[in-house]
Amino acid sequence: MSKSIKKIGVMTSGGDSPGMNAAIRSVVRTCAYHNIECVGIYRGYEGMIEGDFKELNARSVKGIINKGGTVLKSARSNEFRTPEGRKSAHKKLTEANIDALVLIGGDGTFTGGLFFNKEFNFPVIGIPGTIDNDIYGTTHTLGFDTALNTVVECIDKIRDTASSHNRLFFVEVMGRDVGHIALNAGVGAGAEEILIPEEDLGLERLLESLRRSKQSGKSSSIVVVAEGDKIGKNVFELKDYVEANMTEYEVRVSVLGHMQRGGSPSCFDRVLASRMGVKAVESLLEGKTNYMVGLLNDEIALTPLEQAVKGKSKINKELLRVSDIMST
């Protein structure tokens, strides 16, 4: 075990996700277990530049494993994008005797960590926290499972109304660049069609699918749409197109929005966060840096941070096929 690291800083950055608090708790308590000091950095890189730090111990993080959001807050920092901003952040860390960082966030957070390490040779380890599940090097990011459960619960409720009024609902979920939430929640909620950025279904094929559903006896339908889907400019344009070409349907749109990012984390996310936090701290103590902690084949593994940033998460092709069969 390295003797050089005596104090570790932990921060959350970017969009919040359920499980971040459980990860903070894990980092703090793993530090306590190894007799290492731990410092919470508030508001991400912005707080790092300002020196917004607080000493944390095992009791500081009691009662947060079940909380959504992040007790350390999160913020975007344009100043950290500049060499001067990163120099200011390094000065504050040095003054506080912080030797290494655990960064909980997504691509932007990890990119900042890479720059920081390169410029100051400062040890960093990343924990992936984003509901989109769009980070290479892990099958699950923190918050993804919770977001799926939230979306499925919402769609179940919407289906009650769709069935009662013989309506077609377009349900837009988060996923600007990837369709992991839409695909998994769509299959789990029994959607008739799923529209994701990775697969360009096309307007005519969408209409054909909806017509088949109608002919098979379905009086209502749910179409799950990832916000980054390329078929139409937006989900409301899709609604207008379907209404114009399928007058037999009464069409409604439900945009789930930020409710997907909130809420108490699922048991899966709490356990995953606990495992990742332990691995992050112990990796730093072993002298490792510039890695992201991830879940691969149900084992906690390390992926070089640069690969995590530059790599692309892949959509599950088997699940796409399952969704096609299930929509019959």
C-alpha atoms as a PDB file:
ATOM      1  CA  MET A   1       0.000   0.000   0.000  1.00  0.00           C
ATOM      2  CA  SER A   2       1.352   3.417  -0.954  1.00  0.00           C
ATOM      3  CA  LYS A   3       2.442   5.601   1.979  1.00  0.00           C
ATOM      4  CA  SER A   4       2.282   8.815  -0.046  1.00  0.00           C
ATOM      5  CA  ILE A   5      -1.508   9.194  -0.034  1.00  0.00           C
ATOM      6  CA  LYS A   6      -2.806  10.368   3.316  1.00  0.00           C
ATOM      7  CA  LYS A   7      -5.816  12.448   2.299  1.00  0.00           C
ATOM      8  CA  ILE A   8      -8.294  11.834  -0.523  1.00  0.00           C
ATOM      9  CA  GLY A   9     -10.776  14.337  -1.948  1.00  0.00           C
ATOM     10  CA  VAL A  10     -14.144  13.182  -3.317  1.00  0.00           C
ATOM     11  CA  MET A  11     -16.453  15.203  -5.556  1.00  0.00           C
ATOM     12  CA  THR A  12     -19.494  14.894  -7.803  1.00  0.00           C
ATOM     13  CA  SER A  13     -19.761  16.740 -11.089  1.00  0.00           C
ATOM     14  CA  GLY A  14     -22.092  17.047 -14.064  1.00  0.00           C
ATOM     15  CA  GLY A  15     -25.693  15.860 -13.955  1.00  0.00           C
ATOM     16  CA  ASP A  16     -26.755  14.249 -10.691  1.00  0.00           C
ATOM     17  CA  SER A  17     -27.782  10.606 -10.605  1.00  0.00           C
ATOM     18  CA  PRO A  18     -29.226   8.267  -7.951  1.00  0.00           C
ATOM     19  CA  GLY A  19     -26.402   6.389  -6.270  1.00  0.00           C
ATOM     20  CA  MET A  20     -23.970   9.297  -6.077  1.00  0.00           C
ATOM     21  CA  ASN A  21     -24.575   9.672  -2.347  1.00  0.00           C
ATOM     22  CA  ALA A  22     -24.054   5.944  -1.826  1.00  0.00           C
ATOM     23  CA  ALA A  23     -20.731   6.273  -3.682  1.00  0.00           C
ATOM     24  CA  ILE A  24     -19.684   9.261  -1.546  1.00  0.00           C
ATOM     25  CA  ARG A  25     -20.518   7.234   1.564  1.00  0.00           C
ATOM     26  CA  SER A  26     -18.470   4.305   0.305  1.00  0.00           C
ATOM     27  CA  VAL A  27     -15.432   6.459  -0.481  1.00  0.00           C
ATOM     28  CA  VAL A  28     -15.547   8.147   2.930  1.00  0.00           C
ATOM     29  CA  ARG A  29     -15.958   4.922   4.885  1.00  0.00           C
ATOM     30  CA  THR A  30     -13.282   3.091   2.890  1.00  0.00           C
ATOM     31  CA  CYS A  31     -10.911   5.946   3.725  1.00  0.00           C
ATOM     32  CA  ALA A  32     -11.864   5.606   7.401  1.00  0.00           C
ATOM     33  CA  TYR A  33     -11.291   1.837   7.234  1.00  0.00           C
ATOM     34  CA  HIS A  34      -7.759   2.408   5.900  1.00  0.00           C
ATOM     35  CA  ASN A  35      -7.064   5.314   8.299  1.00  0.00           C
ATOM     36  CA  ILE A  36      -6.949   7.810   5.445  1.00  0.00           C
ATOM     37  CA  GLU A  37      -8.407  11.297   5.766  1.00  0.00           C
ATOM     38  CA  CYS A  38     -11.231  12.208   3.403  1.00  0.00           C
ATOM     39  CA  VAL A  39     -12.388  15.633   2.220  1.00  0.00           C
ATOM     40  CA  GLY A  40     -15.659  16.402   0.475  1.00  0.00           C
ATOM     41  CA  ILE A  41     -15.331  18.907  -2.377  1.00  0.00           C
ATOM     42  CA  TYR A  42     -18.570  20.825  -2.875  1.00  0.00           C
ATOM     43  CA  ARG A  43     -19.959  21.834  -6.312  1.00  0.00           C
ATOM     44  CA  GLY A  44     -17.476  19.844  -8.362  1.00  0.00           C
ATOM     45  CA  TYR A  45     -14.613  21.626 -10.096  1.00  0.00           C
ATOM     46  CA  GLU A  46     -16.120  25.024  -9.263  1.00  0.00           C
ATOM     47  CA  GLY A  47     -15.840  24.250  -5.552  1.00  0.00           C
ATOM     48  CA  MET A  48     -12.328  22.908  -6.086  1.00  0.00           C
ATOM     49  CA  ILE A  49     -11.221  26.243  -7.519  1.00  0.00           C
ATOM     50  CA  GLU A  50     -12.853  28.097  -4.617  1.00  0.00           C
ATOM     51  CA  GLY A  51     -11.549  25.719  -1.942  1.00  0.00           C
ATOM     52  CA  ASP A  52     -15.053  24.743  -0.845  1.00  0.00           C
ATOM     53  CA  PHE A  53     -13.899  21.704   1.160  1.00  0.00           C
ATOM     54  CA  LYS A  54     -15.186  19.888   4.225  1.00  0.00           C
ATOM     55  CA  GLU A  55     -13.518  17.159   6.254  1.00  0.00           C
ATOM     56  CA  LEU A  56     -15.645  13.987   6.259  1.00  0.00           C
ATOM     57  CA  ASN A  57     -15.610  10.961   8.537  1.00  0.00           C
ATOM     58  CA  ALA A  58     -17.617   7.752   8.790  1.00  0.00           C
ATOM     59  CA  ARG A  59     -20.372   9.484  10.754  1.00  0.00           C
ATOM     60  CA  SER A  60     -20.555  12.430   8.306  1.00  0.00           C
ATOM     61  CA  VAL A  61     -22.174  10.186   5.691  1.00  0.00           C
ATOM     62  CA  LYS A  62     -24.757   8.412   7.825  1.00  0.00           C
ATOM     63  CA  GLY A  63     -28.275   8.306   6.416  1.00  0.00           C
ATOM     64  CA  ILE A  64     -27.381   9.214   2.822  1.00  0.00           C
ATOM     65  CA  ILE A  65     -27.224   5.798   1.122  1.00  0.00           C
ATOM     66  CA  ASN A  66     -30.953   6.033   0.360  1.00  0.00           C
ATOM     67  CA  LYS A  67     -30.927   9.655  -0.839  1.00  0.00           C
ATOM     68  CA  GLY A  68     -31.084  10.726  -4.474  1.00  0.00           C
ATOM     69  CA  GLY A  69     -29.082  13.629  -5.858  1.00  0.00           C
ATOM     70  CA  THR A  70     -25.748  14.499  -4.262  1.00  0.00           C
ATOM     71  CA  VAL A  71     -25.042  15.969  -0.834  1.00  0.00           C
ATOM     72  CA  LEU A  72     -21.821  17.435  -2.248  1.00  0.00           C
ATOM     73  CA  LYS A  73     -23.853  19.333  -4.869  1.00  0.00           C
ATOM     74  CA  SER A  74     -22.868  19.620  -8.511  1.00  0.00           C
ATOM     75  CA  ALA A  75     -22.053  22.486 -10.854  1.00  0.00           C
ATOM     76  CA  ARG A  76     -20.582  23.228 -14.270  1.00  0.00           C
ATOM     77  CA  SER A  77     -17.276  25.093 -14.267  1.00  0.00           C
ATOM     78  CA  ASN A  78     -16.158  27.065 -17.296  1.00  0.00           C
ATOM     79  CA  GLU A  79     -13.173  28.345 -15.336  1.00  0.00           C
ATOM     80  CA  PHE A  80     -11.808  24.819 -14.844  1.00  0.00           C
ATOM     81  CA  ARG A  81     -11.666  24.465 -18.626  1.00  0.00           C
ATOM     82  CA  THR A  82      -8.822  27.008 -18.608  1.00  0.00           C
ATOM     83  CA  PRO A  83      -5.213  26.353 -17.518  1.00  0.00           C
ATOM     84  CA  GLU A  84      -5.512  29.228 -15.050  1.00  0.00           C
ATOM     85  CA  GLY A  85      -8.603  27.685 -13.459  1.00  0.00           C
ATOM     86  CA  ARG A  86      -6.940  24.297 -13.081  1.00  0.00           C
ATOM     87  CA  LYS A  87      -3.861  25.959 -11.602  1.00  0.00           C
ATOM     88  CA  SER A  88      -6.067  27.662  -9.007  1.00  0.00           C
ATOM     89  CA  ALA A  89      -7.737  24.328  -8.210  1.00  0.00           C
ATOM     90  CA  HIS A  90      -4.360  22.629  -7.769  1.00  0.00           C
ATOM     91  CA  LYS A  91      -3.221  25.391  -5.407  1.00  0.00           C
ATOM     92  CA  LYS A  92      -6.323  24.898  -3.231  1.00  0.00           C
ATOM     93  CA  LEU A  93      -5.842  21.134  -3.118  1.00  0.00           C
ATOM     94  CA  THR A  94      -2.188  21.517  -2.206  1.00  0.00           C
ATOM     95  CA  GLU A  95      -3.019  23.996   0.553  1.00  0.00           C
ATOM     96  CA  ALA A  96      -5.530  21.487   1.955  1.00  0.00           C
ATOM     97  CA  ASN A  97      -2.925  18.670   1.762  1.00  0.00           C
ATOM     98  CA  ILE A  98      -5.182  16.606  -0.510  1.00  0.00           C
ATOM     99  CA  ASP A  99      -3.104  13.937  -2.269  1.00  0.00           C
ATOM    100  CA  ALA A 100      -5.571  12.296  -4.666  1.00  0.00           C
ATOM    101  CA  LEU A 101      -9.101  12.613  -6.074  1.00  0.00           C
ATOM    102  CA  VAL A 102     -12.116  10.377  -6.585  1.00  0.00           C
ATOM    103  CA  LEU A 103     -14.274  11.909  -9.322  1.00  0.00           C
ATOM    104  CA  ILE A 104     -17.917  10.831  -9.534  1.00  0.00           C
ATOM    105  CA  GLY A 105     -19.541  11.845 -12.817  1.00  0.00           C
ATOM    106  CA  GLY A 106     -19.512  11.307 -16.567  1.00  0.00           C
ATOM    107  CA  ASP A 107     -17.488  12.177 -19.685  1.00  0.00           C
ATOM    108  CA  GLY A 108     -16.996  15.855 -18.828  1.00  0.00           C
ATOM    109  CA  THR A 109     -15.912  15.052 -15.278  1.00  0.00           C
ATOM    110  CA  PHE A 110     -13.402  12.443 -16.460  1.00  0.00           C
ATOM    111  CA  THR A 111     -12.035  14.717 -19.206  1.00  0.00           C
ATOM    112  CA  GLY A 112     -11.345  17.369 -16.575  1.00  0.00           C
ATOM    113  CA  GLY A 113      -9.588  14.770 -14.460  1.00  0.00           C
ATOM    114  CA  LEU A 114      -7.376  13.704 -17.367  1.00  0.00           C
ATOM    115  CA  PHE A 115      -6.268  17.289 -18.031  1.00  0.00           C
ATOM    116  CA  PHE A 116      -5.633  17.816 -14.334  1.00  0.00           C
ATOM    117  CA  ASN A 117      -3.524  14.664 -14.023  1.00  0.00           C
ATOM    118  CA  LYS A 118      -1.526  15.489 -17.131  1.00  0.00           C
ATOM    119  CA  GLU A 119      -0.709  19.020 -15.981  1.00  0.00           C
ATOM    120  CA  PHE A 120       0.012  18.333 -12.305  1.00  0.00           C
ATOM    121  CA  ASN A 121       0.625  14.558 -12.103  1.00  0.00           C
ATOM    122  CA  PHE A 122      -2.224  14.448  -9.601  1.00  0.00           C
ATOM    123  CA  PRO A 123      -3.684  10.957  -8.900  1.00  0.00           C
ATOM    124  CA  VAL A 124      -7.328  10.569 -10.000  1.00  0.00           C
ATOM    125  CA  ILE A 125      -9.809   7.691 -10.157  1.00  0.00           C
ATOM    126  CA  GLY A 126     -13.264   8.011 -11.727  1.00  0.00           C
ATOM    127  CA  ILE A 127     -16.602   6.498 -10.716  1.00  0.00           C
ATOM    128  CA  PRO A 128     -19.231   6.621 -13.498  1.00  0.00           C
ATOM    129  CA  GLY A 129     -22.354   8.428 -12.314  1.00  0.00           C
ATOM    130  CA  THR A 130     -24.932   9.132 -15.041  1.00  0.00           C
ATOM    131  CA  ILE A 131     -28.384   7.724 -15.738  1.00  0.00           C
ATOM    132  CA  ASP A 132     -27.707   7.511 -19.496  1.00  0.00           C
ATOM    133  CA  ASN A 133     -25.346   4.515 -19.120  1.00  0.00           C
ATOM    134  CA  ASP A 134     -23.236   6.007 -21.913  1.00  0.00           C
ATOM    135  CA  ILE A 135     -19.750   5.401 -20.473  1.00  0.00           C
ATOM    136  CA  TYR A 136     -17.392   2.890 -22.040  1.00  0.00           C
ATOM    137  CA  GLY A 137     -15.863   0.344 -19.664  1.00  0.00           C
ATOM    138  CA  THR A 138     -18.880  -0.541 -17.539  1.00  0.00           C
ATOM    139  CA  THR A 139     -22.147  -2.353 -18.173  1.00  0.00           C
ATOM    140  CA  HIS A 140     -23.893  -0.141 -15.619  1.00  0.00           C
ATOM    141  CA  THR A 141     -23.315   3.437 -14.533  1.00  0.00           C
ATOM    142  CA  LEU A 142     -24.631   4.686 -11.186  1.00  0.00           C
ATOM    143  CA  GLY A 143     -28.255   5.744 -11.517  1.00  0.00           C
ATOM    144  CA  PHE A 144     -29.077   3.791 -14.672  1.00  0.00           C
ATOM    145  CA  ASP A 145     -30.982   1.019 -12.896  1.00  0.00           C
ATOM    146  CA  THR A 146     -32.918   3.504 -10.754  1.00  0.00           C
ATOM    147  CA  ALA A 147     -33.828   5.596 -13.801  1.00  0.00           C
ATOM    148  CA  LEU A 148     -35.102   2.473 -15.588  1.00  0.00           C
ATOM    149  CA  ASN A 149     -37.358   1.615 -12.649  1.00  0.00           C
ATOM    150  CA  THR A 150     -38.681   5.182 -12.564  1.00  0.00           C
ATOM    151  CA  VAL A 151     -39.431   5.168 -16.299  1.00  0.00           C
ATOM    152  CA  VAL A 152     -41.128   1.763 -16.227  1.00  0.00           C
ATOM    153  CA  GLU A 153     -43.315   2.845 -13.311  1.00  0.00           C
ATOM    154  CA  CYS A 154     -44.354   5.986 -15.224  1.00  0.00           C
ATOM    155  CA  ILE A 155     -45.112   4.054 -18.411  1.00  0.00           C
ATOM    156  CA  ASP A 156     -47.211   1.551 -16.458  1.00  0.00           C
ATOM    157  CA  LYS A 157     -49.346   4.452 -15.233  1.00  0.00           C
ATOM    158  CA  ILE A 158     -49.579   6.014 -18.688  1.00  0.00           C
ATOM    159  CA  ARG A 159     -50.708   2.685 -20.154  1.00  0.00           C
ATOM    160  CA  ASP A 160     -53.724   2.711 -17.829  1.00  0.00           C
ATOM    161  CA  THR A 161     -54.892   5.931 -19.468  1.00  0.00           C
ATOM    162  CA  ALA A 162     -53.932   4.793 -22.975  1.00  0.00           C
ATOM    163  CA  SER A 163     -56.012   1.623 -22.569  1.00  0.00           C
ATOM    164  CA  SER A 164     -58.970   3.456 -21.067  1.00  0.00           C
ATOM    165  CA  HIS A 165     -59.204   5.940 -23.950  1.00  0.00           C
ATOM    166  CA  ASN A 166     -57.830   3.903 -26.880  1.00  0.00           C
ATOM    167  CA  ARG A 167     -54.944   6.324 -27.247  1.00  0.00           C
ATOM    168  CA  LEU A 168     -51.451   6.217 -28.679  1.00  0.00           C
ATOM    169  CA  PHE A 169     -48.854   7.699 -26.327  1.00  0.00           C
ATOM    170  CA  PHE A 170     -45.373   8.866 -27.288  1.00  0.00           C
ATOM    171  CA  VAL A 171     -43.314   8.761 -24.082  1.00  0.00           C
ATOM    172  CA  GLU A 172     -40.047  10.672 -24.352  1.00  0.00           C
ATOM    173  CA  VAL A 173     -37.225   9.553 -22.055  1.00  0.00           C
ATOM    174  CA  MET A 174     -33.701  10.853 -21.540  1.00  0.00           C
ATOM    175  CA  GLY A 175     -30.973   9.731 -23.912  1.00  0.00           C
ATOM    176  CA  ARG A 176     -29.580  12.537 -26.051  1.00  0.00           C
ATOM    177  CA  ASP A 177     -26.903  10.402 -27.694  1.00  0.00           C
ATOM    178  CA  VAL A 178     -27.738   6.841 -26.646  1.00  0.00           C
ATOM    179  CA  GLY A 179     -30.882   4.768 -26.299  1.00  0.00           C
ATOM    180  CA  HIS A 180     -30.095   2.554 -23.308  1.00  0.00           C
ATOM    181  CA  ILE A 181     -32.923   3.920 -21.151  1.00  0.00           C
ATOM    182  CA  ALA A 182     -35.458   3.831 -23.974  1.00  0.00           C
ATOM    183  CA  LEU A 183     -34.573   0.295 -25.090  1.00  0.00           C
ATOM    184  CA  ASN A 184     -34.465  -1.312 -21.655  1.00  0.00           C
ATOM    185  CA  ALA A 185     -37.487   0.538 -20.257  1.00  0.00           C
ATOM    186  CA  GLY A 186     -39.410  -0.048 -23.476  1.00  0.00           C
ATOM    187  CA  VAL A 187     -38.893  -3.798 -23.267  1.00  0.00           C
ATOM    188  CA  GLY A 188     -39.617  -3.802 -19.531  1.00  0.00           C
ATOM    189  CA  ALA A 189     -42.829  -1.820 -19.928  1.00  0.00           C
ATOM    190  CA  GLY A 190     -44.032  -3.719 -22.986  1.00  0.00           C
ATOM    191  CA  ALA A 191     -43.876  -0.802 -25.455  1.00  0.00           C
ATOM    192  CA  GLU A 192     -45.170  -1.430 -28.955  1.00  0.00           C
ATOM    193  CA  GLU A 193     -42.296   0.492 -30.501  1.00  0.00           C
ATOM    194  CA  ILE A 194     -38.973   1.906 -29.295  1.00  0.00           C
ATOM    195  CA  LEU A 195     -37.178   4.767 -31.060  1.00  0.00           C
ATOM    196  CA  ILE A 196     -33.473   5.263 -30.287  1.00  0.00           C
ATOM    197  CA  PRO A 197     -30.615   7.285 -31.861  1.00  0.00           C
ATOM    198  CA  GLU A 198     -28.676   4.141 -32.807  1.00  0.00           C
ATOM    199  CA  GLU A 199     -31.471   2.747 -35.027  1.00  0.00           C
ATOM    200  CA  ASP A 200     -33.150   5.003 -37.608  1.00  0.00           C
ATOM    201  CA  LEU A 201     -36.577   3.404 -37.857  1.00  0.00           C
ATOM    202  CA  GLY A 202     -37.930   5.980 -40.326  1.00  0.00           C
ATOM    203  CA  LEU A 203     -41.377   7.533 -40.370  1.00  0.00           C
ATOM    204  CA  GLU A 204     -42.910   5.093 -42.828  1.00  0.00           C
ATOM    205  CA  ARG A 205     -41.699   2.039 -40.935  1.00  0.00           C
ATOM    206  CA  LEU A 206     -43.087   3.555 -37.729  1.00  0.00           C
ATOM    207  CA  LEU A 207     -46.481   3.966 -39.386  1.00  0.00           C
ATOM    208  CA  GLU A 208     -46.312   0.412 -40.718  1.00  0.00           C
ATOM    209  CA  SER A 209     -45.544  -0.904 -37.231  1.00  0.00           C
ATOM    210  CA  LEU A 210     -48.437   1.027 -35.712  1.00  0.00           C
ATOM    211  CA  ARG A 211     -50.795  -0.231 -38.438  1.00  0.00           C
ATOM    212  CA  ARG A 212     -49.759  -3.813 -37.716  1.00  0.00           C
ATOM    213  CA  SER A 213     -50.464  -3.247 -34.035  1.00  0.00           C
ATOM    214  CA  LYS A 214     -53.895  -1.876 -34.885  1.00  0.00           C
ATOM    215  CA  GLN A 215     -54.691  -4.770 -37.220  1.00  0.00           C
ATOM    216  CA  SER A 216     -53.627  -7.310 -34.599  1.00  0.00           C
ATOM    217  CA  GLY A 217     -56.335  -5.990 -32.308  1.00  0.00           C
ATOM    218  CA  LYS A 218     -54.446  -3.503 -30.161  1.00  0.00           C
ATOM    219  CA  SER A 219     -56.663  -0.556 -29.282  1.00  0.00           C
ATOM    220  CA  SER A 220     -53.900   1.485 -27.668  1.00  0.00           C
ATOM    221  CA  SER A 221     -50.133   1.731 -28.038  1.00  0.00           C
ATOM    222  CA  ILE A 222     -47.076   3.025 -26.215  1.00  0.00           C
ATOM    223  CA  VAL A 223     -44.077   4.259 -28.195  1.00  0.00           C
ATOM    224  CA  VAL A 224     -40.960   5.013 -26.130  1.00  0.00           C
ATOM    225  CA  VAL A 225     -38.772   7.703 -27.696  1.00  0.00           C
ATOM    226  CA  ALA A 226     -35.212   8.570 -26.658  1.00  0.00           C
ATOM    227  CA  GLU A 227     -34.804  12.351 -26.741  1.00  0.00           C
ATOM    228  CA  GLY A 228     -31.955  11.986 -29.248  1.00  0.00           C
ATOM    229  CA  ASP A 229     -33.927   9.896 -31.741  1.00  0.00           C
ATOM    230  CA  LYS A 230     -33.407  11.159 -35.297  1.00  0.00           C
ATOM    231  CA  ILE A 231     -36.751  10.319 -36.921  1.00  0.00           C
ATOM    232  CA  GLY A 232     -38.334  13.714 -36.315  1.00  0.00           C
ATOM    233  CA  LYS A 233     -37.130  17.085 -35.097  1.00  0.00           C
ATOM    234  CA  ASN A 234     -38.835  16.304 -31.799  1.00  0.00           C
ATOM    235  CA  VAL A 235     -41.473  14.066 -30.269  1.00  0.00           C
ATOM    236  CA  PHE A 236     -44.242  16.592 -30.968  1.00  0.00           C
ATOM    237  CA  GLU A 237     -43.444  16.515 -34.690  1.00  0.00           C
ATOM    238  CA  LEU A 238     -43.794  12.735 -34.526  1.00  0.00           C
ATOM    239  CA  LYS A 239     -47.198  13.131 -32.879  1.00  0.00           C
ATOM    240  CA  ASP A 240     -48.382  15.513 -35.620  1.00  0.00           C
ATOM    241  CA  TYR A 241     -47.160  13.193 -38.375  1.00  0.00           C
ATOM    242  CA  VAL A 242     -48.906  10.130 -36.946  1.00  0.00           C
ATOM    243  CA  GLU A 243     -52.136  12.046 -36.326  1.00  0.00           C
ATOM    244  CA  ALA A 244     -52.120  13.260 -39.944  1.00  0.00           C
ATOM    245  CA  ASN A 245     -51.583   9.755 -41.323  1.00  0.00           C
ATOM    246  CA  MET A 246     -53.499   7.614 -38.825  1.00  0.00           C
ATOM    247  CA  THR A 247     -56.689   9.447 -37.984  1.00  0.00           C
ATOM    248  CA  GLU A 248     -58.004   6.418 -36.123  1.00  0.00           C
ATOM    249  CA  TYR A 249     -55.544   7.163 -33.291  1.00  0.00           C
ATOM    250  CA  GLU A 250     -55.912   9.851 -30.659  1.00  0.00           C
ATOM    251  CA  VAL A 251     -52.284  10.732 -29.959  1.00  0.00           C
ATOM    252  CA  ARG A 252     -50.759  12.155 -26.794  1.00  0.00           C
ATOM    253  CA  VAL A 253     -47.194  13.029 -25.735  1.00  0.00           C
ATOM    254  CA  SER A 254     -45.658  12.613 -22.290  1.00  0.00           C
ATOM    255  CA  VAL A 255     -42.143  13.977 -21.699  1.00  0.00           C
ATOM    256  CA  LEU A 256     -40.811  12.456 -18.479  1.00  0.00           C
ATOM    257  CA  GLY A 257     -37.936  14.924 -18.122  1.00  0.00           C
ATOM    258  CA  HIS A 258     -35.892  15.351 -14.981  1.00  0.00           C
ATOM    259  CA  MET A 259     -38.008  13.076 -12.806  1.00  0.00           C
ATOM    260  CA  GLN A 260     -35.860  10.309 -14.293  1.00  0.00           C
ATOM    261  CA  ARG A 261     -32.763  11.685 -12.559  1.00  0.00           C
ATOM    262  CA  GLY A 262     -34.247  11.919  -9.079  1.00  0.00           C
ATOM    263  CA  GLY A 263     -35.515   9.564  -6.441  1.00  0.00           C
ATOM    264  CA  SER A 264     -34.143   7.076  -3.979  1.00  0.00           C
ATOM    265  CA  PRO A 265     -31.559   4.753  -5.613  1.00  0.00           C
ATOM    266  CA  SER A 266     -32.476   1.126  -6.212  1.00  0.00           C
ATOM    267  CA  CYS A 267     -30.809  -1.644  -4.227  1.00  0.00           C
ATOM    268  CA  PHE A 268     -28.730  -2.465  -7.318  1.00  0.00           C
ATOM    269  CA  ASP A 269     -27.375   1.085  -7.522  1.00  0.00           C
ATOM    270  CA  ARG A 270     -26.660   1.214  -3.776  1.00  0.00           C
ATOM    271  CA  VAL A 271     -24.669  -2.022  -3.894  1.00  0.00           C
ATOM    272  CA  LEU A 272     -22.864  -1.004  -7.088  1.00  0.00           C
ATOM    273  CA  ALA A 273     -21.936   2.380  -5.592  1.00  0.00           C
ATOM    274  CA  SER A 274     -20.602   0.680  -2.464  1.00  0.00           C
ATOM    275  CA  ARG A 275     -18.437  -1.700  -4.508  1.00  0.00           C
ATOM    276  CA  MET A 276     -17.152   1.075  -6.770  1.00  0.00           C
ATOM    277  CA  GLY A 277     -16.255   3.360  -3.871  1.00  0.00           C
ATOM    278  CA  VAL A 278     -14.157   0.671  -2.199  1.00  0.00           C
ATOM    279  CA  LYS A 279     -12.351  -0.124  -5.454  1.00  0.00           C
ATOM    280  CA  ALA A 280     -11.687   3.560  -6.196  1.00  0.00           C
ATOM    281  CA  VAL A 281     -10.033   4.286  -2.863  1.00  0.00           C
ATOM    282  CA  GLU A 282      -8.049   1.049  -2.710  1.00  0.00           C
ATOM    283  CA  SER A 283      -6.823   1.558  -6.283  1.00  0.00           C
ATOM    284  CA  LEU A 284      -5.435   4.980  -5.327  1.00  0.00           C
ATOM    285  CA  LEU A 285      -3.748   3.488  -2.273  1.00  0.00           C
ATOM    286  CA  GLU A 286      -2.168   0.861  -4.536  1.00  0.00           C
ATOM    287  CA  GLY A 287      -0.626   3.653  -6.602  1.00  0.00           C
ATOM    288  CA  LYS A 288      -3.027   3.447  -9.540  1.00  0.00           C
ATOM    289  CA  THR A 289      -4.203   6.598 -11.304  1.00  0.00           C
ATOM    290  CA  ASN A 290      -6.118   7.657 -14.433  1.00  0.00           C
ATOM    291  CA  TYR A 291      -8.551   4.760 -14.237  1.00  0.00           C
ATOM    292  CA  MET A 292     -12.315   4.482 -14.093  1.00  0.00           C
ATOM    293  CA  VAL A 293     -13.973   1.904 -11.879  1.00  0.00           C
ATOM    294  CA  GLY A 294     -16.600  -0.101 -13.754  1.00  0.00           C
ATOM    295  CA  LEU A 295     -18.734  -3.232 -13.692  1.00  0.00           C
ATOM    296  CA  LEU A 296     -17.695  -5.874 -16.235  1.00  0.00           C
ATOM    297  CA  ASN A 297     -19.020  -9.452 -16.120  1.00  0.00           C
ATOM    298  CA  ASP A 298     -20.343  -8.685 -12.616  1.00  0.00           C
ATOM    299  CA  GLU A 299     -16.808  -7.928 -11.431  1.00  0.00           C
ATOM    300  CA  ILE A 300     -15.515  -4.499 -10.429  1.00  0.00           C
ATOM    301  CA  ALA A 301     -12.731  -3.696 -12.899  1.00  0.00           C
ATOM    302  CA  LEU A 302     -10.542  -0.779 -13.969  1.00  0.00           C
ATOM    303  CA  THR A 303     -10.604   0.863 -17.408  1.00  0.00           C
ATOM    304  CA  PRO A 304      -8.071   3.553 -18.398  1.00  0.00           C
ATOM    305  CA  LEU A 305      -9.803   6.901 -18.010  1.00  0.00           C
ATOM    306  CA  GLU A 306      -8.876   7.940 -21.540  1.00  0.00           C
ATOM    307  CA  GLN A 307     -10.574   4.850 -22.958  1.00  0.00           C
ATOM    308  CA  ALA A 308     -13.656   5.530 -20.863  1.00  0.00           C
ATOM    309  CA  VAL A 309     -13.852   9.043 -22.323  1.00  0.00           C
ATOM    310  CA  LYS A 310     -13.072   8.189 -25.942  1.00  0.00           C
ATOM    311  CA  GLY A 311     -14.809   4.804 -26.157  1.00  0.00           C
ATOM    312  CA  LYS A 312     -18.433   4.327 -27.186  1.00  0.00           C
ATOM    313  CA  SER A 313     -20.971   2.342 -25.224  1.00  0.00           C
ATOM    314  CA  LYS A 314     -22.804  -0.084 -27.502  1.00  0.00           C
ATOM    315  CA  ILE A 315     -26.505  -0.754 -27.673  1.00  0.00           C
ATOM    316  CA  ASN A 316     -27.552  -4.309 -26.897  1.00  0.00           C
ATOM    317  CA  LYS A 317     -28.396  -5.863 -30.289  1.00  0.00           C
ATOM    318  CA  GLU A 318     -29.963  -8.920 -28.689  1.00  0.00           C
ATOM    319  CA  LEU A 319     -32.330  -6.673 -26.741  1.00  0.00           C
ATOM    320  CA  LEU A 320     -33.270  -4.908 -29.973  1.00  0.00           C
ATOM    321  CA  ARG A 321     -34.260  -8.268 -31.440  1.00  0.00           C
ATOM    322  CA  VAL A 322     -36.204  -9.138 -28.273  1.00  0.00           C
ATOM    323  CA  SER A 323     -38.099  -5.844 -28.529  1.00  0.00           C
ATOM    324  CA  ASP A 324     -39.063  -6.613 -32.139  1.00  0.00           C
ATOM    325  CA  ILE A 325     -40.394 -10.044 -31.170  1.00  0.00           C
ATOM    326  CA  MET A 326     -42.262  -8.724 -28.126  1.00  0.00           C
ATOM    327  CA  SER A 327     -44.034  -6.038 -30.174  1.00  0.00           C
ATOM    328  CA  THR A 328     -45.717  -8.696 -32.348  1.00  0.00           C
END
